[in-house]
Protein backbone atom coordinates (compact mmCIF):
# COMPACT_ATOMS: atom_id res chain seq x y z
CA MET A 1 -11.69 -20.38 -12.19
CA SER A 2 -7.95 -20.06 -11.25
CA GLU A 3 -6.90 -19.40 -14.64
CA LEU A 4 -9.70 -16.10 -14.83
CA PHE A 5 -8.05 -15.02 -11.52
CA ASP A 6 -4.13 -14.94 -12.80
CA ALA A 7 -5.69 -13.32 -15.39
CA VAL A 8 -6.77 -10.41 -13.81
CA ASP A 9 -4.37 -10.52 -11.58
CA ALA A 10 -1.22 -10.31 -14.71
CA LEU A 11 -3.63 -7.17 -15.77
CA VAL A 12 -3.47 -5.10 -12.61
CA ALA A 13 0.39 -6.39 -11.99
CA SER A 14 0.93 -4.76 -14.94
CA ALA A 15 -0.65 -1.41 -14.17
CA SER A 16 1.54 -1.48 -10.72
CA VAL A 17 2.02 2.03 -8.92
CA LEU A 18 5.41 2.56 -8.49
CA PRO A 19 7.30 5.84 -6.70
CA PRO A 20 9.98 7.98 -8.85
CA PRO A 21 13.38 6.64 -9.13
CA GLU A 22 14.72 8.86 -6.41
CA GLU A 23 12.43 7.69 -3.76
CA ARG A 24 12.73 3.59 -4.72
CA LYS A 25 15.81 4.84 -4.11
CA ARG A 26 15.41 6.51 -0.83
CA LEU A 27 13.44 3.29 0.61
CA ARG A 28 16.12 1.14 -0.27
CA VAL A 29 18.67 2.82 1.28
CA ALA A 30 16.79 3.40 4.58
CA HIS A 31 16.32 -0.22 5.32
CA GLY A 32 19.93 -0.93 4.73
CA LEU A 33 19.54 -2.64 1.14
CA THR A 34 22.15 -2.79 -1.38
CA LEU A 35 21.38 -3.19 -4.88
CA GLU A 36 22.76 -7.12 -4.77
CA GLN A 37 20.18 -7.83 -1.89
CA VAL A 38 16.95 -6.31 -4.21
CA ALA A 39 18.12 -7.62 -7.19
CA GLY A 40 18.65 -10.99 -5.70
CA ALA A 41 15.50 -11.08 -4.09
CA LEU A 42 13.39 -10.26 -7.75
CA LYS A 43 15.60 -12.37 -9.73
CA VAL A 44 17.04 -9.75 -11.67
CA ARG A 45 20.70 -8.38 -12.48
CA ARG A 46 21.86 -5.21 -9.50
CA ALA A 47 22.49 -3.16 -13.05
CA THR A 48 18.60 -3.45 -13.55
CA VAL A 49 17.79 -2.21 -10.49
CA SER A 50 20.24 0.70 -10.80
CA VAL A 51 19.05 1.24 -14.20
CA TRP A 52 15.45 0.74 -12.27
CA GLU A 53 16.20 3.66 -9.35
CA SER A 54 18.05 6.01 -11.61
CA SER A 55 16.05 8.99 -12.71
CA LYS A 56 18.28 9.59 -16.17
CA ASN A 57 16.47 6.44 -17.88
CA LYS A 58 12.58 5.84 -18.19
CA THR A 59 13.14 1.68 -18.03
CA GLU A 60 10.38 0.35 -15.73
CA PRO A 61 10.19 -2.83 -14.24
CA ARG A 62 6.96 -4.78 -16.15
CA GLY A 63 4.81 -8.14 -15.51
CA PRO A 64 6.18 -10.23 -12.62
CA ASP A 65 8.94 -7.96 -11.68
CA ARG A 66 7.02 -5.17 -11.96
CA GLU A 67 5.13 -6.79 -8.90
CA ALA A 68 6.98 -8.00 -6.73
CA TYR A 69 9.06 -4.71 -7.39
CA ALA A 70 5.70 -2.40 -6.38
CA ARG A 71 4.99 -5.52 -3.51
CA LEU A 72 8.75 -4.51 -1.87
CA LEU A 73 8.26 -0.56 -2.21
CA ASN A 74 4.97 -0.58 -0.72
CA GLN A 75 5.95 -2.75 2.46
CA LEU A 76 8.95 -0.11 2.20
CA ALA A 77 7.04 2.75 2.33
CA GLU A 78 4.93 1.83 4.78
CA LEU A 79 7.76 1.68 7.39
CA TYR A 80 9.35 4.59 5.73
CA PRO A 81 6.82 7.08 5.07
CA ALA A 82 7.65 9.98 3.12
CA PRO A 83 9.26 13.23 4.57
CA ALA A 84 6.22 15.62 5.31
CA ASP A 85 8.46 18.59 3.45
CA ARG A 86 8.09 16.69 0.00
């Protein structure tokens, strides 16, 4: 049964909603995190996180990276809600 749940979890994770790149950066900076810290936690390169925060690039994280990044961003969004004027 666990295998089925893992497969379902993977499907949900592949569609985790991420905020726009500029909001990703705002949340990271609001918490005082560096690109290196986020990259280390997610086990990706610093440049990878930088690309995910760049509005010029359309590259998005996939699979487990996306799930973990979405989880981080969701937790940060609870701590640092977007300003009302957005």
